[in-house]
C-alpha atoms as a PDB file:
ATOM      1  CA  MET A   1       8.448 -16.402  20.668  1.00  0.00           C
ATOM      2  CA  PRO A   2       9.769 -18.285  17.602  1.00  0.00           C
ATOM      3  CA  ARG A   3      10.078 -16.398  14.302  1.00  0.00           C
ATOM      4  CA  ILE A   4       7.420 -16.861  11.628  1.00  0.00           C
ATOM      5  CA  GLN A   5       9.721 -18.906   9.401  1.00  0.00           C
ATOM      6  CA  ASP A   6      10.576 -21.218  12.315  1.00  0.00           C
ATOM      7  CA  LEU A   7       6.900 -21.891  13.020  1.00  0.00           C
ATOM      8  CA  LEU A   8       6.084 -22.498   9.349  1.00  0.00           C
ATOM      9  CA  LYS A   9       9.061 -24.661   8.389  1.00  0.00           C
ATOM     10  CA  GLY A  10       7.961 -28.252   7.980  1.00  0.00           C
ATOM     11  CA  SER A  11       4.272 -27.330   7.982  1.00  0.00           C
ATOM     12  CA  ASP A  12       1.777 -27.504   5.133  1.00  0.00           C
ATOM     13  CA  HIS A  13       2.044 -23.711   4.882  1.00  0.00           C
ATOM     14  CA  TRP A  14       5.764 -23.556   4.054  1.00  0.00           C
ATOM     15  CA  GLY A  15       5.156 -23.633   0.296  1.00  0.00           C
ATOM     16  CA  ALA A  16       2.674 -20.748   0.522  1.00  0.00           C
ATOM     17  CA  TYR A  17       4.975 -18.614   2.682  1.00  0.00           C
ATOM     18  CA  THR A  18       8.030 -19.174   0.428  1.00  0.00           C
ATOM     19  CA  LEU A  19       5.880 -18.884  -2.746  1.00  0.00           C
ATOM     20  CA  ARG A  20       7.168 -22.268  -3.916  1.00  0.00           C
ATOM     21  CA  ASP A  21       3.558 -23.338  -4.368  1.00  0.00           C
ATOM     22  CA  GLU A  22       2.620 -20.300  -6.442  1.00  0.00           C
ATOM     23  CA  ALA A  23       2.005 -21.180 -10.065  1.00  0.00           C
ATOM     24  CA  ALA A  24       3.997 -19.160 -12.605  1.00  0.00           C
ATOM     25  CA  GLU A  25       1.171 -19.408 -15.157  1.00  0.00           C
ATOM     26  CA  GLY A  26      -1.008 -17.110 -13.052  1.00  0.00           C
ATOM     27  CA  LEU A  27       0.789 -13.979 -14.277  1.00  0.00           C
ATOM     28  CA  ASP A  28      -0.922 -11.183 -16.184  1.00  0.00           C
ATOM     29  CA  GLU A  29       0.423  -9.098 -19.087  1.00  0.00           C
ATOM     30  CA  TYR A  30       2.556  -7.077 -16.662  1.00  0.00           C
ATOM     31  CA  GLY A  31       4.092 -10.165 -15.067  1.00  0.00           C
ATOM     32  CA  ARG A  32       2.059  -9.774 -11.870  1.00  0.00           C
ATOM     33  CA  ALA A  33       0.642 -12.681  -9.903  1.00  0.00           C
ATOM     34  CA  THR A  34      -3.138 -12.592 -10.028  1.00  0.00           C
ATOM     35  CA  ALA A  35      -5.950 -13.887  -7.852  1.00  0.00           C
ATOM     36  CA  ARG A  36      -8.060 -14.795 -10.923  1.00  0.00           C
ATOM     37  CA  GLY A  37     -11.238 -15.122  -8.907  1.00  0.00           C
ATOM     38  CA  ARG A  38      -9.672 -17.045  -6.052  1.00  0.00           C
ATOM     39  CA  ASP A  39     -10.937 -16.087  -2.579  1.00  0.00           C
ATOM     40  CA  ALA A  40      -7.875 -15.058  -0.543  1.00  0.00           C
ATOM     41  CA  THR A  41      -9.721 -13.135   2.159  1.00  0.00           C
ATOM     42  CA  GLU A  42      -9.142 -15.871   4.786  1.00  0.00           C
ATOM     43  CA  PRO A  43      -5.409 -15.706   5.710  1.00  0.00           C
ATOM     44  CA  LYS A  44      -4.870 -19.422   6.258  1.00  0.00           C
ATOM     45  CA  THR A  45      -1.175 -19.159   7.029  1.00  0.00           C
ATOM     46  CA  SER A  46      -1.833 -16.533   9.710  1.00  0.00           C
ATOM     47  CA  ARG A  47      -4.635 -18.682  11.105  1.00  0.00           C
ATOM     48  CA  TYR A  48      -2.110 -21.509  11.527  1.00  0.00           C
ATOM     49  CA  LEU A  49       0.335 -19.149  13.268  1.00  0.00           C
ATOM     50  CA  SER A  50      -2.405 -17.946  15.578  1.00  0.00           C
ATOM     51  CA  GLU A  51      -3.254 -21.548  16.483  1.00  0.00           C
ATOM     52  CA  LYS A  52       0.422 -22.038  17.356  1.00  0.00           C
ATOM     53  CA  GLY A  53       0.221 -19.108  19.757  1.00  0.00           C
ATOM     54  CA  PHE A  54       1.964 -16.522  17.589  1.00  0.00           C
ATOM     55  CA  ARG A  55       1.114 -12.940  18.611  1.00  0.00           C
ATOM     56  CA  ILE A  56       2.420  -9.493  17.751  1.00  0.00           C
ATOM     57  CA  GLU A  57       2.374  -6.761  20.389  1.00  0.00           C
ATOM     58  CA  TYR A  58       1.355  -3.470  18.777  1.00  0.00           C
ATOM     59  CA  SER A  59       1.672   0.059  20.137  1.00  0.00           C
ATOM     60  CA  ASP A  60      -0.714   1.222  22.851  1.00  0.00           C
ATOM     61  CA  GLY A  61      -1.793  -2.355  23.561  1.00  0.00           C
ATOM     62  CA  LYS A  62      -3.717  -2.617  20.277  1.00  0.00           C
ATOM     63  CA  LYS A  63      -4.544  -6.150  19.125  1.00  0.00           C
ATOM     64  CA  PHE A  64      -4.271  -5.523  15.356  1.00  0.00           C
ATOM     65  CA  ALA A  65      -3.476  -2.754  12.901  1.00  0.00           C
ATOM     66  CA  LEU A  66      -4.706  -0.957   9.820  1.00  0.00           C
ATOM     67  CA  CYS A  67      -1.763   0.240   7.738  1.00  0.00           C
ATOM     68  CA  LEU A  68      -3.043   3.219   5.758  1.00  0.00           C
ATOM     69  CA  THR A  69      -1.288   4.112   2.510  1.00  0.00           C
ATOM     70  CA  HIS A  70      -1.840   6.391  -0.472  1.00  0.00           C
ATOM     71  CA  ASP A  71      -0.215   5.925  -3.882  1.00  0.00           C
ATOM     72  CA  ILE A  72       0.199   9.336  -5.495  1.00  0.00           C
ATOM     73  CA  ASP A  73       0.228   8.601  -9.224  1.00  0.00           C
ATOM     74  CA  LYS A  74      -1.210  12.007 -10.113  1.00  0.00           C
ATOM     75  CA  ALA A  75      -0.621  15.396  -8.530  1.00  0.00           C
ATOM     76  CA  TYR A  76      -1.250  17.821 -11.405  1.00  0.00           C
ATOM     77  CA  THR A  77      -4.021  18.081 -14.006  1.00  0.00           C
ATOM     78  CA  GLY A  78      -3.877  20.581 -16.838  1.00  0.00           C
ATOM     79  CA  THR A  79      -6.774  22.781 -17.967  1.00  0.00           C
ATOM     80  CA  GLY A  80      -7.238  20.834 -21.200  1.00  0.00           C
ATOM     81  CA  ARG A  81      -7.699  17.526 -19.398  1.00  0.00           C
ATOM     82  CA  LYS A  82     -10.053  19.095 -16.872  1.00  0.00           C
ATOM     83  CA  LEU A  83     -12.162  20.585 -19.656  1.00  0.00           C
ATOM     84  CA  LEU A  84     -12.340  17.248 -21.487  1.00  0.00           C
ATOM     85  CA  ASN A  85     -13.416  15.477 -18.297  1.00  0.00           C
ATOM     86  CA  LEU A  86     -16.054  18.146 -17.697  1.00  0.00           C
ATOM     87  CA  LEU A  87     -17.479  17.709 -21.220  1.00  0.00           C
ATOM     88  CA  ARG A  88     -17.596  13.946 -20.671  1.00  0.00           C
ATOM     89  CA  GLY A  89     -19.243  14.356 -17.263  1.00  0.00           C
ATOM     90  CA  ARG A  90     -16.333  12.713 -15.456  1.00  0.00           C
ATOM     91  CA  LEU A  91     -16.237  14.761 -12.266  1.00  0.00           C
ATOM     92  CA  GLY A  92     -14.638  12.085 -10.093  1.00  0.00           C
ATOM     93  CA  GLY A  93     -17.317  12.256  -7.412  1.00  0.00           C
ATOM     94  CA  ARG A  94     -17.096  16.038  -7.121  1.00  0.00           C
ATOM     95  CA  SER A  95     -19.982  18.485  -7.482  1.00  0.00           C
ATOM     96  CA  LEU A  96     -20.073  20.763 -10.515  1.00  0.00           C
ATOM     97  CA  GLY A  97     -19.231  23.756  -8.315  1.00  0.00           C
ATOM     98  CA  GLU A  98     -16.258  21.985  -6.788  1.00  0.00           C
ATOM     99  CA  TYR A  99     -15.061  20.868 -10.192  1.00  0.00           C
ATOM    100  CA  LEU A 100     -15.276  24.366 -11.682  1.00  0.00           C
ATOM    101  CA  GLY A 101     -13.175  25.587  -8.740  1.00  0.00           C
ATOM    102  CA  ASP A 102     -10.456  23.128  -9.776  1.00  0.00           C
ATOM    103  CA  PHE A 103      -9.677  25.246 -12.845  1.00  0.00           C
ATOM    104  CA  THR A 104      -7.962  27.860 -10.662  1.00  0.00           C
ATOM    105  CA  SER A 105      -4.838  25.683 -10.225  1.00  0.00           C
ATOM    106  CA  ARG A 106      -3.264  22.623 -11.853  1.00  0.00           C
ATOM    107  CA  ALA A 107      -2.653  21.345  -8.287  1.00  0.00           C
ATOM    108  CA  LYS A 108      -6.413  21.064  -7.751  1.00  0.00           C
ATOM    109  CA  PRO A 109      -7.933  18.688  -6.856  1.00  0.00           C
ATOM    110  CA  HIS A 110      -5.192  16.062  -6.595  1.00  0.00           C
ATOM    111  CA  CYS A 111      -2.803  17.809  -4.199  1.00  0.00           C
ATOM    112  CA  ASN A 112      -5.325  17.065  -1.461  1.00  0.00           C
ATOM    113  CA  PHE A 113      -2.770  15.773   1.016  1.00  0.00           C
ATOM    114  CA  ASP A 114      -3.729  18.172   3.832  1.00  0.00           C
ATOM    115  CA  GLU A 115      -7.380  17.191   3.516  1.00  0.00           C
ATOM    116  CA  ILE A 116      -6.473  13.486   3.710  1.00  0.00           C
ATOM    117  CA  MET A 117      -4.348  14.043   6.793  1.00  0.00           C
ATOM    118  CA  SER A 118      -7.017  16.121   8.531  1.00  0.00           C
ATOM    119  CA  LEU A 119      -9.571  13.372   7.919  1.00  0.00           C
ATOM    120  CA  GLU A 120      -7.283  10.703   9.337  1.00  0.00           C
ATOM    121  CA  GLU A 121      -6.316  12.818  12.332  1.00  0.00           C
ATOM    122  CA  ARG A 122      -9.985  13.047  13.309  1.00  0.00           C
ATOM    123  CA  TYR A 123      -9.825   9.271  13.865  1.00  0.00           C
ATOM    124  CA  GLY A 124      -6.429   9.266  15.562  1.00  0.00           C
ATOM    125  CA  ALA A 125      -4.785   7.820  12.451  1.00  0.00           C
ATOM    126  CA  LYS A 126      -1.690   8.483  10.357  1.00  0.00           C
ATOM    127  CA  SER A 127      -0.673   7.172   6.952  1.00  0.00           C
ATOM    128  CA  THR A 128       2.055   6.816   4.348  1.00  0.00           C
ATOM    129  CA  PHE A 129       2.133   8.726   1.054  1.00  0.00           C
ATOM    130  CA  PHE A 130       4.069   6.897  -1.678  1.00  0.00           C
ATOM    131  CA  LEU A 131       5.418   9.447  -4.180  1.00  0.00           C
ATOM    132  CA  LEU A 132       6.846   8.886  -7.650  1.00  0.00           C
ATOM    133  CA  ALA A 133      10.333  10.252  -8.315  1.00  0.00           C
ATOM    134  CA  LEU A 134      10.408  10.116 -12.117  1.00  0.00           C
ATOM    135  CA  ASN A 135      12.075  12.205 -14.773  1.00  0.00           C
ATOM    136  CA  PRO A 136       9.929  13.893 -17.465  1.00  0.00           C
ATOM    137  CA  ASP A 137      10.977  11.366 -20.118  1.00  0.00           C
ATOM    138  CA  GLU A 138       9.860   8.358 -18.042  1.00  0.00           C
ATOM    139  CA  LYS A 139       6.572   6.494 -18.384  1.00  0.00           C
ATOM    140  CA  ASP A 140       3.675   7.837 -16.277  1.00  0.00           C
ATOM    141  CA  TYR A 141       5.552  11.010 -15.300  1.00  0.00           C
ATOM    142  CA  ASN A 142       2.997  13.466 -13.920  1.00  0.00           C
ATOM    143  CA  TYR A 143       4.938  15.600 -11.446  1.00  0.00           C
ATOM    144  CA  ASP A 144       8.423  16.488 -10.307  1.00  0.00           C
ATOM    145  CA  VAL A 145       8.750  15.466  -6.671  1.00  0.00           C
ATOM    146  CA  ASP A 146      10.768  18.662  -6.035  1.00  0.00           C
ATOM    147  CA  SER A 147       7.745  20.730  -7.064  1.00  0.00           C
ATOM    148  CA  LEU A 148       5.727  19.277  -4.190  1.00  0.00           C
ATOM    149  CA  HIS A 149       8.018  20.752  -1.538  1.00  0.00           C
ATOM    150  CA  ASN A 150       5.299  22.699   0.298  1.00  0.00           C
ATOM    151  CA  TYR A 151       3.094  19.627   0.439  1.00  0.00           C
ATOM    152  CA  THR A 152       5.814  17.178   1.438  1.00  0.00           C
ATOM    153  CA  SER A 153       6.996  19.539   4.200  1.00  0.00           C
ATOM    154  CA  SER A 154       3.447  19.582   5.566  1.00  0.00           C
ATOM    155  CA  ILE A 155       3.193  15.780   5.437  1.00  0.00           C
ATOM    156  CA  LEU A 156       6.440  15.322   7.347  1.00  0.00           C
ATOM    157  CA  ASP A 157       5.796  18.159   9.818  1.00  0.00           C
ATOM    158  CA  ARG A 158       2.480  16.558  10.803  1.00  0.00           C
ATOM    159  CA  GLY A 159       4.161  13.240  11.562  1.00  0.00           C
ATOM    160  CA  PHE A 160       3.034  11.348   8.478  1.00  0.00           C
ATOM    161  CA  GLU A 161       5.379   9.321   6.295  1.00  0.00           C
ATOM    162  CA  ILE A 162       6.579   9.603   2.689  1.00  0.00           C
ATOM    163  CA  GLY A 163       7.815   6.513   0.851  1.00  0.00           C
ATOM    164  CA  LEU A 164       9.043   5.847  -2.678  1.00  0.00           C
ATOM    165  CA  HIS A 165       6.580   4.775  -5.331  1.00  0.00           C
ATOM    166  CA  GLY A 166       8.969   3.083  -7.729  1.00  0.00           C
ATOM    167  CA  GLY A 167       8.601   3.488 -11.484  1.00  0.00           C
ATOM    168  CA  TRP A 168       8.176   0.887 -14.202  1.00  0.00           C
ATOM    169  CA  GLY A 169      11.761  -0.333 -14.174  1.00  0.00           C
ATOM    170  CA  ALA A 170      12.715   0.117 -10.540  1.00  0.00           C
ATOM    171  CA  TYR A 171      11.359  -3.188  -9.222  1.00  0.00           C
ATOM    172  CA  MET A 172      13.853  -5.236 -11.219  1.00  0.00           C
ATOM    173  CA  ASP A 173      16.797  -2.876 -11.881  1.00  0.00           C
ATOM    174  CA  ARG A 174      18.861  -1.803  -8.908  1.00  0.00           C
ATOM    175  CA  ALA A 175      20.481   1.092 -10.757  1.00  0.00           C
ATOM    176  CA  VAL A 176      17.059   2.560 -11.626  1.00  0.00           C
ATOM    177  CA  LEU A 177      15.863   1.982  -8.054  1.00  0.00           C
ATOM    178  CA  ALA A 178      18.939   3.717  -6.633  1.00  0.00           C
ATOM    179  CA  ARG A 179      18.427   6.745  -8.891  1.00  0.00           C
ATOM    180  CA  GLU A 180      14.814   7.166  -7.853  1.00  0.00           C
ATOM    181  CA  LYS A 181      15.649   6.680  -4.181  1.00  0.00           C
ATOM    182  CA  GLY A 182      18.387   9.284  -4.413  1.00  0.00           C
ATOM    183  CA  ARG A 183      16.044  11.690  -6.181  1.00  0.00           C
ATOM    184  CA  ILE A 184      13.301  11.538  -3.558  1.00  0.00           C
ATOM    185  CA  GLU A 185      15.720  11.644  -0.618  1.00  0.00           C
ATOM    186  CA  LYS A 186      17.352  14.739  -2.071  1.00  0.00           C
ATOM    187  CA  ALA A 187      13.945  16.381  -2.496  1.00  0.00           C
ATOM    188  CA  LEU A 188      12.941  15.539   1.086  1.00  0.00           C
ATOM    189  CA  ASN A 189      16.383  16.008   2.604  1.00  0.00           C
ATOM    190  CA  ARG A 190      15.954  12.835   4.606  1.00  0.00           C
ATOM    191  CA  ARG A 191      16.282   9.066   4.307  1.00  0.00           C
ATOM    192  CA  ILE A 192      13.166   7.151   3.364  1.00  0.00           C
ATOM    193  CA  GLU A 193      12.232   3.743   4.751  1.00  0.00           C
ATOM    194  CA  GLY A 194       9.329   2.437   2.704  1.00  0.00           C
ATOM    195  CA  TYR A 195       8.678   1.300  -0.859  1.00  0.00           C
ATOM    196  CA  ARG A 196       5.842   0.298  -3.142  1.00  0.00           C
ATOM    197  CA  ASN A 197       6.181  -0.167  -6.866  1.00  0.00           C
ATOM    198  CA  HIS A 198       3.863   1.550  -9.327  1.00  0.00           C
ATOM    199  CA  TYR A 199       1.195  -0.773 -10.757  1.00  0.00           C
ATOM    200  CA  LEU A 200       2.207  -3.304  -8.087  1.00  0.00           C
ATOM    201  CA  LEU A 201       4.970  -4.478 -10.425  1.00  0.00           C
ATOM    202  CA  PHE A 202       6.990  -7.056  -8.570  1.00  0.00           C
ATOM    203  CA  ASP A 203       9.416  -9.907  -9.196  1.00  0.00           C
ATOM    204  CA  ARG A 204       9.602 -12.299  -6.257  1.00  0.00           C
ATOM    205  CA  ASN A 205      13.094 -13.421  -7.303  1.00  0.00           C
ATOM    206  CA  VAL A 206      14.543  -9.919  -7.630  1.00  0.00           C
ATOM    207  CA  THR A 207      12.573  -7.114  -5.962  1.00  0.00           C
ATOM    208  CA  TRP A 208      12.996  -7.942  -2.269  1.00  0.00           C
ATOM    209  CA  ARG A 209      16.702  -8.565  -2.752  1.00  0.00           C
ATOM    210  CA  ILE A 210      17.464  -5.243  -4.444  1.00  0.00           C
ATOM    211  CA  LEU A 211      15.253  -3.323  -2.012  1.00  0.00           C
ATOM    212  CA  GLU A 212      17.199  -4.785   0.885  1.00  0.00           C
ATOM    213  CA  GLY A 213      20.437  -3.951  -0.890  1.00  0.00           C
ATOM    214  CA  GLU A 214      19.378  -0.319  -1.240  1.00  0.00           C
ATOM    215  CA  GLY A 215      18.643  -0.063   2.476  1.00  0.00           C
ATOM    216  CA  PHE A 216      14.829   0.004   2.500  1.00  0.00           C
ATOM    217  CA  SER A 217      13.310  -0.938   5.845  1.00  0.00           C
ATOM    218  CA  TYR A 218      10.103  -2.319   4.377  1.00  0.00           C
ATOM    219  CA  ASP A 219       8.170  -2.995   1.192  1.00  0.00           C
ATOM    220  CA  SER A 220       4.421  -3.007   0.610  1.00  0.00           C
ATOM    221  CA  THR A 221       4.008  -4.147  -2.994  1.00  0.00           C
ATOM    222  CA  PHE A 222       3.165  -7.796  -2.334  1.00  0.00           C
ATOM    223  CA  GLY A 223      -0.443  -8.609  -3.135  1.00  0.00           C
ATOM    224  CA  TYR A 224      -2.938  -9.091  -5.962  1.00  0.00           C
ATOM    225  CA  PRO A 225      -3.861  -6.279  -8.375  1.00  0.00           C
ATOM    226  CA  ASP A 226      -7.155  -8.003  -9.199  1.00  0.00           C
ATOM    227  CA  GLY A 227      -8.293  -9.389  -5.845  1.00  0.00           C
ATOM    228  CA  VAL A 228      -8.780  -8.542  -2.206  1.00  0.00           C
ATOM    229  CA  GLY A 229      -6.945 -10.687   0.333  1.00  0.00           C
ATOM    230  CA  TYR A 230      -3.650 -12.231   1.251  1.00  0.00           C
ATOM    231  CA  ARG A 231      -1.429 -13.623  -1.513  1.00  0.00           C
ATOM    232  CA  ASN A 232       0.542 -16.105   0.610  1.00  0.00           C
ATOM    233  CA  GLY A 233      -2.055 -16.509   3.329  1.00  0.00           C
ATOM    234  CA  LEU A 234      -0.324 -14.089   5.715  1.00  0.00           C
ATOM    235  CA  CYS A 235      -2.068 -11.056   7.153  1.00  0.00           C
ATOM    236  CA  HIS A 236       0.979 -10.649   9.437  1.00  0.00           C
ATOM    237  CA  PRO A 237       3.998  -8.648   8.276  1.00  0.00           C
ATOM    238  CA  PHE A 238       6.809 -11.056   7.446  1.00  0.00           C
ATOM    239  CA  ASN A 239      10.418 -11.335   6.385  1.00  0.00           C
ATOM    240  CA  PRO A 240      10.383 -12.599   2.764  1.00  0.00           C
ATOM    241  CA  TYR A 241      12.073 -15.912   2.119  1.00  0.00           C
ATOM    242  CA  ASP A 242      14.853 -15.923  -0.489  1.00  0.00           C
ATOM    243  CA  ASN A 243      14.691 -19.368  -2.052  1.00  0.00           C
ATOM    244  CA  GLU A 244      18.016 -18.897  -3.840  1.00  0.00           C
ATOM    245  CA  SER A 245      19.988 -18.355  -0.628  1.00  0.00           C
ATOM    246  CA  ASP A 246      17.554 -20.493   1.409  1.00  0.00           C
ATOM    247  CA  LYS A 247      17.077 -17.929   4.148  1.00  0.00           C
ATOM    248  CA  ALA A 248      14.755 -15.131   5.211  1.00  0.00           C
ATOM    249  CA  LEU A 249      15.713 -11.572   4.258  1.00  0.00           C
ATOM    250  CA  SER A 250      15.774  -8.768   6.828  1.00  0.00           C
ATOM    251  CA  ILE A 251      13.414  -6.435   4.969  1.00  0.00           C
ATOM    252  CA  VAL A 252       9.854  -6.361   6.329  1.00  0.00           C
ATOM    253  CA  GLU A 253       6.972  -7.020   3.930  1.00  0.00           C
ATOM    254  CA  LEU A 254       3.587  -5.433   4.688  1.00  0.00           C
ATOM    255  CA  PRO A 255       1.251  -7.483   2.433  1.00  0.00           C
ATOM    256  CA  ILE A 256      -1.596  -5.625   0.753  1.00  0.00           C
ATOM    257  CA  ALA A 257      -5.116  -6.512   1.846  1.00  0.00           C
ATOM    258  CA  ALA A 258      -7.253  -4.227  -0.324  1.00  0.00           C
ATOM    259  CA  MET A 259      -6.927  -1.475  -2.940  1.00  0.00           C
ATOM    260  CA  ASP A 260      -9.532   0.940  -4.261  1.00  0.00           C
ATOM    261  CA  ARG A 261      -8.669   0.349  -7.917  1.00  0.00           C
ATOM    262  CA  THR A 262      -8.946  -3.423  -7.439  1.00  0.00           C
ATOM    263  CA  LEU A 263     -12.477  -3.049  -6.116  1.00  0.00           C
ATOM    264  CA  GLU A 264     -13.651  -0.536  -8.702  1.00  0.00           C
ATOM    265  CA  THR A 265     -11.784  -1.587 -11.861  1.00  0.00           C
ATOM    266  CA  TYR A 266     -11.061  -5.287 -11.560  1.00  0.00           C
ATOM    267  CA  ASN A 267     -13.943  -6.410  -9.369  1.00  0.00           C
ATOM    268  CA  ARG A 268     -16.418  -3.866 -10.829  1.00  0.00           C
ATOM    269  CA  LEU A 269     -17.904  -3.077  -7.460  1.00  0.00           C
ATOM    270  CA  GLY A 270     -19.587   0.052  -6.236  1.00  0.00           C
ATOM    271  CA  PRO A 271     -18.625   1.504  -2.860  1.00  0.00           C
ATOM    272  CA  SER A 272     -21.418  -0.246  -0.939  1.00  0.00           C
ATOM    273  CA  GLU A 273     -20.464  -3.709  -2.284  1.00  0.00           C
ATOM    274  CA  ALA A 274     -16.783  -2.908  -1.855  1.00  0.00           C
ATOM    275  CA  TRP A 275     -17.302  -2.271   1.841  1.00  0.00           C
ATOM    276  CA  GLU A 276     -18.173  -5.913   2.473  1.00  0.00           C
ATOM    277  CA  ARG A 277     -14.838  -7.027   0.940  1.00  0.00           C
ATOM    278  CA  ILE A 278     -12.870  -4.477   2.937  1.00  0.00           C
ATOM    279  CA  LYS A 279     -14.651  -5.374   6.170  1.00  0.00           C
ATOM    280  CA  THR A 280     -13.847  -9.057   5.579  1.00  0.00           C
ATOM    281  CA  VAL A 281     -10.078  -8.505   5.453  1.00  0.00           C
ATOM    282  CA  ILE A 282     -10.153  -6.066   8.373  1.00  0.00           C
ATOM    283  CA  ASP A 283     -12.053  -8.625  10.460  1.00  0.00           C
ATOM    284  CA  ALA A 284      -9.592 -11.343   9.497  1.00  0.00           C
ATOM    285  CA  SER A 285      -6.669  -9.210  10.623  1.00  0.00           C
ATOM    286  CA  GLU A 286      -8.419  -8.522  13.903  1.00  0.00           C
ATOM    287  CA  ARG A 287      -9.170 -12.225  14.352  1.00  0.00           C
ATOM    288  CA  TYR A 288      -5.535 -13.269  13.996  1.00  0.00           C
ATOM    289  CA  GLY A 289      -3.824 -10.152  15.322  1.00  0.00           C
ATOM    290  CA  GLY A 290      -2.470  -9.114  11.938  1.00  0.00           C
ATOM    291  CA  VAL A 291      -2.211  -5.993   9.798  1.00  0.00           C
ATOM    292  CA  ALA A 292      -4.655  -4.988   7.052  1.00  0.00           C
ATOM    293  CA  THR A 293      -2.693  -2.790   4.627  1.00  0.00           C
ATOM    294  CA  ILE A 294      -4.999  -0.580   2.566  1.00  0.00           C
ATOM    295  CA  ILE A 295      -4.148   1.359  -0.617  1.00  0.00           C
ATOM    296  CA  TRP A 296      -6.380   4.382  -1.180  1.00  0.00           C
ATOM    297  CA  HIS A 297      -5.283   6.728  -3.970  1.00  0.00           C
ATOM    298  CA  ASN A 298      -5.665  10.473  -3.584  1.00  0.00           C
ATOM    299  CA  VAL A 299      -8.020  10.432  -6.621  1.00  0.00           C
ATOM    300  CA  PHE A 300     -10.511   8.258  -4.650  1.00  0.00           C
ATOM    301  CA  MET A 301     -11.085  10.752  -1.851  1.00  0.00           C
ATOM    302  CA  TRP A 302     -14.314  12.313  -3.121  1.00  0.00           C
ATOM    303  CA  GLY A 303     -17.902  11.259  -3.506  1.00  0.00           C
ATOM    304  CA  ASP A 304     -19.004   7.787  -2.398  1.00  0.00           C
ATOM    305  CA  TRP A 305     -15.463   6.381  -2.541  1.00  0.00           C
ATOM    306  CA  GLY A 306     -14.263   9.099  -0.196  1.00  0.00           C
ATOM    307  CA  LYS A 307     -17.161   8.305   2.143  1.00  0.00           C
ATOM    308  CA  LEU A 308     -16.154   4.647   2.013  1.00  0.00           C
ATOM    309  CA  TYR A 309     -12.632   5.512   3.111  1.00  0.00           C
ATOM    310  CA  GLU A 310     -14.007   7.451   6.083  1.00  0.00           C
ATOM    311  CA  LYS A 311     -16.296   4.524   6.885  1.00  0.00           C
ATOM    312  CA  MET A 312     -13.215   2.309   7.034  1.00  0.00           C
ATOM    313  CA  LEU A 313     -11.493   4.737   9.413  1.00  0.00           C
ATOM    314  CA  SER A 314     -14.585   4.838  11.608  1.00  0.00           C
ATOM    315  CA  TYR A 315     -14.809   1.048  11.691  1.00  0.00           C
ATOM    316  CA  GLY A 316     -11.117   0.692  12.505  1.00  0.00           C
ATOM    317  CA  SER A 317     -11.534   3.156  15.341  1.00  0.00           C
ATOM    318  CA  GLU A 318     -14.559   1.276  16.685  1.00  0.00           C
ATOM    319  CA  ARG A 319     -12.680  -2.032  16.553  1.00  0.00           C
ATOM    320  CA  GLY A 320      -9.698  -0.582  18.388  1.00  0.00           C
ATOM    321  CA  ALA A 321      -7.221  -0.912  15.502  1.00  0.00           C
ATOM    322  CA  TRP A 322      -3.832   0.806  15.554  1.00  0.00           C
ATOM    323  CA  MET A 323      -4.170   2.953  12.428  1.00  0.00           C
ATOM    324  CA  THR A 324      -0.834   4.175  11.153  1.00  0.00           C
ATOM    325  CA  GLY A 325       1.614   4.182   8.250  1.00  0.00           C
ATOM    326  CA  GLY A 326       4.084   1.616   7.064  1.00  0.00           C
ATOM    327  CA  ALA A 327       7.254   2.798   8.794  1.00  0.00           C
ATOM    328  CA  GLU A 328       5.693   2.718  12.270  1.00  0.00           C
ATOM    329  CA  VAL A 329       4.277  -0.762  11.682  1.00  0.00           C
ATOM    330  CA  ALA A 330       7.639  -2.035  10.378  1.00  0.00           C
ATOM    331  CA  ARG A 331       9.524  -0.636  13.383  1.00  0.00           C
ATOM    332  CA  VAL A 332       7.198  -2.273  15.878  1.00  0.00           C
ATOM    333  CA  VAL A 333       7.002  -5.699  14.261  1.00  0.00           C
ATOM    334  CA  ARG A 334      10.597  -6.081  13.077  1.00  0.00           C
ATOM    335  CA  ASP A 335      11.891  -7.915  16.125  1.00  0.00           C
ATOM    336  CA  GLN A 336       8.713  -9.956  16.575  1.00  0.00           C
ATOM    337  CA  ILE A 337       8.379 -11.689  13.202  1.00  0.00           C
END
């Protein structure tokens, strides 16, 4: 089977795949490409590949995949913040009794990794947890990755994956990226394979290149912060194209299909309306044999948003999706894309 870039070269989809058609003026205040109301739920580039006979063979004979991921921006919450949230009635989907129980430990309720894994295991699924590896003086520092040792050991022992959630400067500065990678690998005592940058910060001319240089197997930052769907029309994992060197890189990109914060904050949807958007991208990935990569933060695992995540797992199971984390997807697709 020809590679994705071979099938697309010379087609009307080449500019989308290489991002040469992407307008620079569509960037937000953080320099991120935005959907700005555009409907990207139909992966037109993947549809073209499917029409050309392109297929990926997934594990266990599955026809498509859900790549399940969790960005862990917050692990600890102090008593003062919890009290303020209580006074403001911001219980995050938890009952009053549950919330009052959170005062017994700063790790409650956000160190809920075992609960997330148990839920996924009930549906035969696994996932990736992307952890920050920041120093106390760095922006958005909330936890020391070393302090999560008991939790990270449980994640790895149960066969789930941990990746690096790069900080504000890592996506464009290789020295910063290397420091954070070294920090998390020292804490875990193992090499990591996967990456996603905090806030989905990404520079298409820099990020893929430095990630490949630092030995990452895959990235999963590519997508829209403000919209559901496929930024370059691909629901298939792909090797990013480096326009400067005029060749595809070896790193695997797992494009983002949907994120909880996008649905709630940018699109201002409740869980019931959000389900229709999520179902649309899952169905598209099934239709073309692709991968729907989902970001679900640990702080969205309660109340109606938590029920929505379980609904997605149930639907994926019903549709026969291979539901797993980023590293397993990247290993299986690497030689097929």
